[in-house]
N, C-alpha and C. Protein backbone atom coordinates (compact mmCIF):
# COMPACT_ATOMS: atom_id res chain seq x y z
N MET A 1 81.14 -33.85 6.22
CA MET A 1 79.94 -33.80 7.09
C MET A 1 79.49 -32.69 7.94
N THR A 2 78.48 -32.33 7.61
CA THR A 2 78.12 -31.20 8.27
C THR A 2 76.45 -31.65 8.88
N ASN A 3 76.17 -31.44 9.96
CA ASN A 3 74.88 -31.35 10.52
C ASN A 3 74.25 -32.45 10.01
N GLY A 4 74.65 -33.22 9.37
CA GLY A 4 74.14 -34.29 8.76
C GLY A 4 73.44 -35.12 7.76
N PHE A 5 74.34 -34.04 6.76
CA PHE A 5 74.57 -33.87 5.33
C PHE A 5 75.39 -33.56 4.91
N GLU A 6 76.13 -34.44 3.52
CA GLU A 6 77.31 -34.12 3.33
C GLU A 6 76.87 -33.20 1.61
N ALA A 7 77.74 -31.71 1.46
CA ALA A 7 77.56 -31.25 0.78
C ALA A 7 78.53 -31.51 -0.71
N TYR A 8 77.90 -31.82 -2.02
CA TYR A 8 78.74 -32.47 -3.12
C TYR A 8 79.16 -31.36 -3.76
N TYR A 9 79.01 -29.94 -3.87
CA TYR A 9 79.60 -29.16 -4.32
C TYR A 9 79.11 -28.13 -3.92
N ASN A 10 80.18 -26.96 -3.94
CA ASN A 10 79.90 -25.82 -3.46
C ASN A 10 79.86 -24.81 -4.08
N SER A 11 78.45 -23.76 -4.25
CA SER A 11 77.87 -23.04 -5.13
C SER A 11 78.87 -21.95 -5.25
N SER A 12 79.49 -21.60 -4.32
CA SER A 12 80.37 -20.43 -4.82
C SER A 12 81.17 -20.57 -5.02
N ASP A 13 82.03 -22.07 -5.93
CA ASP A 13 82.97 -22.45 -6.24
C ASP A 13 82.82 -22.42 -7.85
N LEU A 14 81.57 -22.13 -8.25
CA LEU A 14 81.29 -21.89 -9.38
C LEU A 14 81.27 -20.46 -10.37
N HIS A 15 81.62 -20.84 -11.25
CA HIS A 15 82.55 -19.50 -12.38
C HIS A 15 80.78 -18.66 -12.13
N PRO A 16 81.23 -17.15 -12.14
CA PRO A 16 79.82 -16.48 -11.55
C PRO A 16 79.06 -15.86 -12.64
N TYR A 17 79.26 -16.81 -14.32
CA TYR A 17 78.12 -16.93 -15.51
C TYR A 17 77.94 -18.55 -15.60
N ASP A 18 78.16 -19.10 -14.80
CA ASP A 18 77.60 -20.76 -14.66
C ASP A 18 75.54 -20.43 -14.54
N LEU A 19 75.25 -21.00 -15.34
CA LEU A 19 73.99 -21.59 -14.91
C LEU A 19 73.83 -22.71 -14.60
N LEU A 20 72.45 -22.79 -13.57
CA LEU A 20 72.23 -23.69 -13.01
C LEU A 20 70.52 -23.68 -13.56
N GLY A 21 70.06 -25.18 -14.00
CA GLY A 21 69.12 -25.55 -13.87
C GLY A 21 68.10 -26.19 -13.28
N ILE A 22 66.84 -26.23 -13.52
CA ILE A 22 65.78 -26.84 -12.16
C ILE A 22 65.11 -27.69 -13.11
N LEU A 23 64.80 -29.39 -13.30
CA LEU A 23 64.09 -29.85 -14.17
C LEU A 23 62.63 -29.51 -13.45
N VAL A 24 61.96 -29.40 -14.59
CA VAL A 24 60.12 -29.22 -13.96
C VAL A 24 59.34 -30.48 -14.80
N ARG A 25 58.98 -31.17 -14.17
CA ARG A 25 58.46 -32.44 -14.63
C ARG A 25 56.76 -31.80 -14.72
N GLU A 26 56.36 -31.29 -14.22
CA GLU A 26 54.71 -30.85 -13.61
C GLU A 26 54.35 -29.89 -14.03
N THR A 27 53.69 -28.97 -14.19
CA THR A 27 52.81 -27.77 -14.20
C THR A 27 51.62 -27.47 -12.93
N GLN A 28 52.12 -26.75 -12.34
CA GLN A 28 50.44 -26.30 -11.79
C GLN A 28 50.22 -25.46 -11.66
N LEU A 29 48.90 -25.60 -11.84
CA LEU A 29 47.90 -23.97 -11.87
C LEU A 29 46.79 -24.24 -10.96
N VAL A 30 46.35 -23.15 -10.41
CA VAL A 30 45.15 -22.67 -9.39
C VAL A 30 43.80 -22.29 -10.74
N GLY A 31 42.87 -23.38 -10.90
CA GLY A 31 41.94 -22.58 -11.36
C GLY A 31 40.75 -21.60 -10.75
N ILE A 32 40.23 -20.90 -11.00
CA ILE A 32 38.78 -20.14 -10.13
C ILE A 32 37.42 -20.51 -10.95
N ILE A 33 36.40 -20.93 -10.35
CA ILE A 33 34.67 -20.91 -10.55
C ILE A 33 34.82 -19.61 -10.28
N ASN A 34 34.19 -18.50 -10.89
CA ASN A 34 33.79 -17.08 -10.61
C ASN A 34 32.79 -16.94 -11.33
N ASN A 35 31.66 -16.60 -11.13
CA ASN A 35 30.36 -16.02 -11.87
C ASN A 35 30.32 -14.76 -11.95
N PHE A 36 31.23 -14.12 -11.00
CA PHE A 36 31.19 -12.47 -11.08
C PHE A 36 32.67 -11.99 -11.15
N PRO A 37 32.80 -11.63 -12.47
CA PRO A 37 33.75 -11.24 -13.04
C PRO A 37 34.45 -10.00 -12.57
N LEU A 38 35.25 -9.87 -12.05
CA LEU A 38 36.10 -8.65 -11.45
C LEU A 38 36.97 -8.13 -12.38
N ARG A 39 37.08 -6.68 -12.59
CA ARG A 39 38.16 -6.37 -13.84
C ARG A 39 37.57 -6.32 -15.08
N ARG A 40 38.90 -6.97 -15.78
CA ARG A 40 38.67 -7.41 -17.28
C ARG A 40 38.54 -8.80 -17.11
N THR A 41 39.11 -9.56 -16.25
CA THR A 41 39.03 -11.37 -16.58
C THR A 41 38.68 -11.65 -15.10
N ALA A 42 37.34 -13.24 -15.02
CA ALA A 42 37.61 -13.72 -13.73
C ALA A 42 37.81 -14.57 -13.24
N VAL A 43 39.08 -15.19 -14.38
CA VAL A 43 40.14 -16.43 -13.86
C VAL A 43 41.61 -15.99 -14.04
N PRO A 44 42.24 -17.33 -13.32
CA PRO A 44 43.74 -16.84 -13.10
C PRO A 44 44.50 -16.83 -14.88
N TYR A 45 45.19 -16.04 -15.10
CA TYR A 45 45.78 -16.74 -16.20
C TYR A 45 47.00 -16.77 -15.85
N ASP A 46 47.61 -17.80 -17.12
CA ASP A 46 49.00 -18.29 -16.92
C ASP A 46 49.89 -18.31 -17.94
N ALA A 47 51.44 -18.32 -18.06
CA ALA A 47 51.99 -18.75 -19.32
C ALA A 47 52.76 -20.02 -19.22
N ILE A 48 52.54 -21.52 -19.94
CA ILE A 48 53.14 -22.47 -19.64
C ILE A 48 54.65 -22.19 -21.13
N ASP A 49 55.25 -22.68 -20.88
CA ASP A 49 56.49 -23.17 -21.53
C ASP A 49 56.58 -24.20 -22.22
N LEU A 50 56.81 -24.98 -23.03
CA LEU A 50 56.57 -26.23 -23.34
C LEU A 50 57.28 -26.61 -24.54
N TYR A 51 58.66 -27.35 -24.98
CA TYR A 51 58.99 -27.71 -25.90
C TYR A 51 58.59 -28.81 -26.89
N ALA A 52 58.14 -28.52 -28.25
CA ALA A 52 57.69 -29.18 -29.18
C ALA A 52 58.23 -30.85 -29.37
N GLY A 53 57.47 -31.81 -29.04
CA GLY A 53 57.68 -33.02 -29.15
C GLY A 53 58.10 -33.70 -27.61
N ASN A 54 57.76 -32.50 -26.28
CA ASN A 54 57.80 -33.06 -24.68
C ASN A 54 56.65 -33.47 -24.48
N LYS A 55 56.90 -34.32 -23.13
CA LYS A 55 55.31 -34.51 -22.69
C LYS A 55 56.07 -33.61 -21.47
N ARG A 56 54.04 -33.67 -20.98
CA ARG A 56 54.22 -32.70 -19.85
C ARG A 56 53.17 -32.61 -18.97
N ARG A 57 53.16 -32.99 -17.69
CA ARG A 57 51.77 -33.19 -17.12
C ARG A 57 50.92 -31.88 -16.42
N LEU A 58 50.16 -31.58 -16.66
CA LEU A 58 49.53 -30.62 -16.13
C LEU A 58 48.39 -30.68 -14.67
N ARG A 59 48.75 -30.18 -13.73
CA ARG A 59 48.03 -30.48 -12.18
C ARG A 59 47.35 -29.21 -12.21
N VAL A 60 46.30 -29.44 -11.89
CA VAL A 60 45.42 -27.99 -11.85
C VAL A 60 44.40 -28.08 -10.38
N PHE A 61 44.55 -26.78 -9.89
CA PHE A 61 43.62 -27.03 -8.44
C PHE A 61 42.31 -26.18 -8.88
N ILE A 62 40.87 -26.66 -8.63
CA ILE A 62 39.89 -26.40 -8.83
C ILE A 62 39.61 -25.18 -7.64
N LYS A 63 39.31 -24.33 -7.68
CA LYS A 63 38.54 -23.49 -6.49
C LYS A 63 37.58 -22.63 -6.52
N ASP A 64 36.78 -22.09 -5.68
CA ASP A 64 35.93 -20.61 -5.85
C ASP A 64 36.26 -19.47 -5.79
N ALA A 65 36.09 -18.62 -5.98
CA ALA A 65 36.20 -17.38 -6.11
C ALA A 65 36.52 -16.88 -4.40
N SER A 66 36.26 -17.41 -3.39
CA SER A 66 36.99 -17.58 -2.12
C SER A 66 37.92 -18.66 -1.81
N LEU A 67 38.68 -18.87 -2.68
CA LEU A 67 39.17 -19.96 -2.89
C LEU A 67 39.36 -20.83 -2.10
N ASN A 68 37.85 -21.54 -1.91
CA ASN A 68 37.80 -22.73 -0.82
C ASN A 68 37.76 -23.80 -2.02
N ILE A 69 37.88 -25.18 -1.73
CA ILE A 69 38.26 -26.02 -3.00
C ILE A 69 36.71 -26.44 -3.25
N ILE A 70 36.91 -26.69 -4.69
CA ILE A 70 35.83 -27.19 -5.49
C ILE A 70 35.91 -28.85 -5.49
N ASN A 71 34.80 -29.54 -4.45
CA ASN A 71 35.03 -31.10 -5.14
C ASN A 71 34.71 -31.41 -6.24
N LEU A 72 35.80 -32.05 -7.02
CA LEU A 72 35.22 -32.28 -8.50
C LEU A 72 34.85 -34.03 -8.58
N THR A 73 33.90 -34.17 -7.64
CA THR A 73 33.57 -36.30 -7.71
C THR A 73 32.55 -35.82 -8.73
N GLY A 74 32.35 -36.56 -9.74
CA GLY A 74 31.96 -36.67 -10.87
C GLY A 74 31.94 -35.47 -12.36
N ALA A 75 33.13 -34.85 -12.15
CA ALA A 75 33.09 -33.65 -12.79
C ALA A 75 33.68 -34.34 -14.02
N LEU A 76 33.78 -33.01 -14.79
CA LEU A 76 34.61 -33.22 -15.88
C LEU A 76 35.41 -31.77 -16.32
N CYS A 77 36.58 -31.85 -16.60
CA CYS A 77 37.47 -30.98 -16.78
C CYS A 77 38.25 -31.18 -18.11
N VAL A 78 38.29 -29.88 -18.84
CA VAL A 78 38.95 -29.92 -20.24
C VAL A 78 39.61 -29.40 -20.85
N LEU A 79 41.22 -29.64 -21.28
CA LEU A 79 42.12 -28.66 -21.98
C LEU A 79 41.72 -27.98 -23.05
N THR A 80 41.52 -27.15 -23.64
CA THR A 80 41.35 -26.91 -25.06
C THR A 80 42.72 -25.46 -25.23
N LEU A 81 43.40 -26.25 -26.33
CA LEU A 81 44.44 -25.52 -27.06
C LEU A 81 44.03 -25.00 -28.44
N ARG A 82 44.21 -24.20 -29.02
CA ARG A 82 43.94 -23.15 -30.02
C ARG A 82 45.42 -22.20 -30.22
N LYS A 83 45.22 -21.88 -31.98
CA LYS A 83 46.44 -20.96 -32.35
C LYS A 83 45.31 -19.39 -31.45
N THR A 84 44.11 -19.08 -31.76
CA THR A 84 43.66 -18.35 -31.21
C THR A 84 42.54 -18.27 -30.19
N LYS A 85 41.95 -17.45 -29.41
CA LYS A 85 40.63 -17.71 -28.95
C LYS A 85 39.81 -17.88 -29.73
N SER A 86 39.23 -17.65 -31.14
CA SER A 86 38.25 -17.66 -32.08
C SER A 86 38.68 -18.76 -32.87
N GLY A 87 39.90 -19.43 -33.08
CA GLY A 87 40.30 -20.39 -33.88
C GLY A 87 39.89 -21.94 -33.76
N PRO A 88 40.08 -22.69 -34.27
CA PRO A 88 39.85 -24.03 -34.39
C PRO A 88 40.69 -24.44 -33.24
N ILE A 89 39.72 -25.97 -33.09
CA ILE A 89 40.65 -26.30 -31.77
C ILE A 89 41.78 -26.99 -32.50
N VAL A 90 43.51 -27.00 -31.49
CA VAL A 90 44.43 -27.52 -32.27
C VAL A 90 44.31 -29.07 -31.18
N PHE A 91 44.04 -29.20 -29.72
CA PHE A 91 43.89 -30.54 -29.24
C PHE A 91 43.07 -30.30 -28.29
N GLN A 92 42.15 -31.05 -27.51
CA GLN A 92 41.71 -30.76 -26.20
C GLN A 92 41.75 -32.42 -25.56
N LYS A 93 42.21 -32.05 -24.01
CA LYS A 93 42.70 -33.68 -22.79
C LYS A 93 41.40 -33.02 -22.30
N HIS A 94 40.86 -34.80 -21.96
CA HIS A 94 39.19 -34.71 -21.16
C HIS A 94 39.87 -35.68 -20.21
N THR A 95 39.08 -34.90 -18.90
CA THR A 95 39.68 -35.84 -17.67
C THR A 95 39.18 -37.32 -17.76
N ASN A 96 37.97 -37.13 -18.44
CA ASN A 96 37.20 -38.57 -18.50
C ASN A 96 37.91 -39.96 -19.61
N VAL A 97 38.98 -39.76 -20.02
CA VAL A 97 39.56 -40.06 -21.06
C VAL A 97 40.79 -40.51 -20.32
N PRO A 98 41.34 -41.78 -20.20
CA PRO A 98 42.25 -42.11 -19.10
C PRO A 98 43.77 -41.69 -19.41
N ALA A 99 43.79 -41.79 -21.37
CA ALA A 99 44.90 -41.20 -21.83
C ALA A 99 45.02 -40.08 -21.92
N GLU A 100 44.13 -39.12 -21.68
CA GLU A 100 44.09 -37.72 -21.62
C GLU A 100 44.65 -36.55 -20.38
N GLY A 101 43.84 -36.93 -19.58
CA GLY A 101 43.46 -36.64 -18.19
C GLY A 101 42.81 -37.48 -17.14
N MET A 102 43.29 -36.71 -16.02
CA MET A 102 42.03 -37.60 -14.89
C MET A 102 41.89 -36.83 -13.89
N ILE A 103 40.76 -36.98 -12.72
CA ILE A 103 40.33 -36.42 -11.75
C ILE A 103 41.33 -37.28 -10.62
N GLY A 104 42.51 -36.07 -9.75
CA GLY A 104 43.15 -36.79 -9.09
C GLY A 104 42.65 -36.97 -7.82
N SER A 105 42.49 -36.23 -6.40
CA SER A 105 41.69 -36.75 -5.49
C SER A 105 40.77 -35.11 -5.67
N SER A 106 39.51 -35.67 -5.73
CA SER A 106 38.20 -34.91 -6.15
C SER A 106 37.79 -34.23 -4.82
N ASP A 107 38.07 -34.63 -3.58
CA ASP A 107 37.52 -33.77 -2.66
C ASP A 107 38.52 -32.58 -2.40
N GLN A 108 40.05 -32.27 -3.15
CA GLN A 108 40.66 -31.65 -3.18
C GLN A 108 41.01 -30.61 -4.32
N GLY A 109 39.82 -31.00 -4.80
CA GLY A 109 39.53 -29.81 -6.30
C GLY A 109 40.86 -30.06 -7.45
N GLU A 110 41.61 -31.66 -7.44
CA GLU A 110 42.58 -31.80 -8.18
C GLU A 110 42.61 -32.53 -9.38
N CYS A 111 42.57 -31.82 -10.68
CA CYS A 111 42.55 -32.29 -11.90
C CYS A 111 43.97 -32.71 -12.43
N PHE A 112 44.26 -33.52 -13.68
CA PHE A 112 45.68 -33.78 -13.84
C PHE A 112 45.00 -33.83 -15.86
N PHE A 113 46.28 -33.19 -16.67
CA PHE A 113 46.37 -33.28 -18.06
C PHE A 113 47.43 -33.90 -18.33
N PHE A 114 47.41 -35.02 -19.31
CA PHE A 114 48.74 -35.60 -20.06
C PHE A 114 48.95 -35.19 -21.43
N ILE A 115 50.11 -33.95 -21.66
CA ILE A 115 50.68 -33.48 -23.07
C ILE A 115 51.45 -34.74 -23.41
N VAL A 116 51.22 -35.74 -24.48
CA VAL A 116 51.90 -36.54 -25.04
C VAL A 116 52.75 -35.80 -25.85
N ALA A 117 54.10 -36.46 -26.42
CA ALA A 117 54.95 -36.03 -27.77
C ALA A 117 53.76 -35.62 -29.16
N ALA A 118 53.58 -36.99 -29.36
CA ALA A 118 52.47 -36.47 -30.45
C ALA A 118 51.48 -35.25 -30.54
N ASP A 119 50.90 -34.86 -29.53
CA ASP A 119 50.39 -33.41 -29.16
C ASP A 119 50.91 -32.31 -29.87
N THR A 120 52.33 -32.29 -29.83
CA THR A 120 53.13 -30.95 -30.27
C THR A 120 54.24 -31.11 -31.13
N ALA A 121 54.29 -32.81 -31.62
CA ALA A 121 55.56 -32.65 -32.68
C ALA A 121 55.10 -31.88 -33.76
N ASN A 122 54.29 -31.93 -34.64
CA ASN A 122 54.16 -31.29 -35.73
C ASN A 122 53.11 -29.98 -35.60
N LEU A 123 53.49 -29.25 -34.50
CA LEU A 123 52.71 -27.98 -34.21
C LEU A 123 53.64 -26.89 -34.55
N ASP A 124 53.44 -25.56 -35.11
CA ASP A 124 53.91 -24.35 -35.32
C ASP A 124 54.72 -23.74 -34.17
N ILE A 125 56.03 -23.39 -34.19
CA ILE A 125 56.64 -22.99 -33.52
C ILE A 125 56.16 -21.58 -33.01
N MET A 126 55.01 -21.48 -32.11
CA MET A 126 54.41 -19.83 -31.66
C MET A 126 53.85 -19.66 -29.86
N GLN A 127 53.08 -18.88 -30.18
CA GLN A 127 52.53 -18.60 -28.55
C GLN A 127 51.02 -19.23 -29.25
N TYR A 128 50.31 -20.56 -28.45
CA TYR A 128 48.75 -20.74 -28.56
C TYR A 128 48.50 -20.19 -27.26
N VAL A 129 47.01 -20.23 -27.49
CA VAL A 129 46.25 -19.76 -25.96
C VAL A 129 45.44 -21.45 -25.53
N PHE A 130 45.57 -21.15 -24.30
CA PHE A 130 44.40 -21.96 -23.69
C PHE A 130 43.51 -21.99 -22.52
N ASP A 131 42.68 -23.03 -22.24
CA ASP A 131 41.80 -22.53 -21.16
C ASP A 131 41.18 -24.09 -20.81
N VAL A 132 40.84 -23.79 -19.51
CA VAL A 132 40.76 -25.41 -18.36
C VAL A 132 39.13 -24.88 -18.01
N THR A 133 38.39 -25.80 -18.78
CA THR A 133 36.71 -25.58 -18.29
C THR A 133 36.24 -26.88 -17.39
N VAL A 134 35.54 -26.61 -16.56
CA VAL A 134 34.87 -27.81 -15.29
C VAL A 134 33.32 -27.71 -15.47
N THR A 135 32.82 -28.83 -15.81
CA THR A 135 31.38 -29.10 -15.64
C THR A 135 31.13 -29.96 -14.03
N LEU A 136 30.48 -29.72 -13.47
CA LEU A 136 30.31 -29.82 -12.12
C LEU A 136 29.01 -30.88 -12.07
N THR A 137 28.80 -31.82 -11.53
CA THR A 137 27.40 -32.47 -11.37
C THR A 137 26.38 -31.47 -11.15
N GLY A 138 25.41 -31.82 -12.30
CA GLY A 138 24.35 -31.15 -11.84
C GLY A 138 24.38 -29.63 -11.97
N SER A 139 25.42 -28.87 -12.48
CA SER A 139 25.69 -27.51 -13.25
C SER A 139 25.39 -27.58 -13.98
N ASP A 140 25.31 -26.07 -14.49
CA ASP A 140 24.75 -25.40 -15.79
C ASP A 140 26.30 -25.05 -16.39
N GLY A 141 27.41 -25.71 -15.75
CA GLY A 141 28.65 -25.28 -16.52
C GLY A 141 28.49 -25.83 -17.94
N PRO A 142 29.75 -25.80 -18.86
CA PRO A 142 31.04 -25.73 -18.32
C PRO A 142 31.34 -24.19 -17.50
N TYR A 143 32.21 -24.20 -16.55
CA TYR A 143 32.77 -22.70 -16.37
C TYR A 143 34.26 -22.98 -16.49
N THR A 144 34.48 -21.59 -17.31
CA THR A 144 36.13 -21.32 -17.32
C THR A 144 36.56 -21.23 -15.84
N THR A 145 37.83 -21.81 -15.72
CA THR A 145 38.58 -21.91 -14.48
C THR A 145 39.88 -20.96 -14.42
N VAL A 146 40.33 -21.58 -15.86
CA VAL A 146 41.65 -21.22 -15.85
C VAL A 146 42.17 -20.54 -17.07
N GLU A 147 42.88 -19.68 -17.79
CA GLU A 147 43.14 -19.61 -18.98
C GLU A 147 44.64 -19.01 -19.18
N GLY A 148 45.42 -19.50 -20.14
CA GLY A 148 46.79 -18.58 -20.41
C GLY A 148 47.10 -18.86 -22.15
N VAL A 149 48.44 -18.58 -22.55
CA VAL A 149 49.16 -18.89 -23.25
C VAL A 149 50.36 -20.18 -23.15
N VAL A 150 50.24 -20.89 -23.90
CA VAL A 150 51.34 -21.76 -24.16
C VAL A 150 52.43 -21.70 -25.16
N ASN A 151 53.98 -21.22 -24.55
CA ASN A 151 54.82 -20.89 -25.35
C ASN A 151 55.65 -22.15 -26.30
N LEU A 152 55.01 -22.68 -27.30
CA LEU A 152 55.58 -23.73 -27.98
C LEU A 152 56.95 -23.49 -28.27
N ARG A 153 57.80 -24.21 -28.15
CA ARG A 153 59.55 -23.81 -28.30
C ARG A 153 59.90 -25.02 -29.05
N GLN A 154 60.76 -24.59 -30.13
CA GLN A 154 61.73 -25.70 -30.61
C GLN A 154 63.04 -26.18 -29.54
N ALA A 155 62.59 -27.56 -29.13
CA ALA A 155 63.73 -28.32 -28.87
C ALA A 155 65.01 -28.90 -29.43
N VAL A 156 66.17 -28.69 -28.85
CA VAL A 156 67.56 -28.86 -29.31
C VAL A 156 67.69 -29.95 -29.15
N TYR A 157 67.91 -30.77 -30.25
CA TYR A 157 68.24 -32.62 -30.26
C TYR A 157 69.70 -32.56 -30.47
């Protein structure tokens, strides 16, 4: 016992090629509402690795171009997944459908989307594109706030 905690293992005792894994249960993204595009894109771009047939909770924080928090009271956030940007929708998740998503702390610009095993169980193992749009109360939205790719991988069972 040293300084109030007990070490259960010493990482220096590991073989030099041993790998350590970190369990990630939630993916966090920051989306930007930006009406004035800079360079080629006006919103953050992110990549998400997801295993087919697994669940995932996506947590998105919505901010403005100056990184001020956007209040999401009364807002609708939508996550859309497609094979290509102009292709048909593979699935969508809405914050106004409790099984699909929700607004978390609206005054913190927080929303959640729930990907369940059935959403990806029968999809092709490939790279998909996604975006998150936000429609604010009284706005002309929707605003695309974050976009990127989902790398769907085959789970090992």
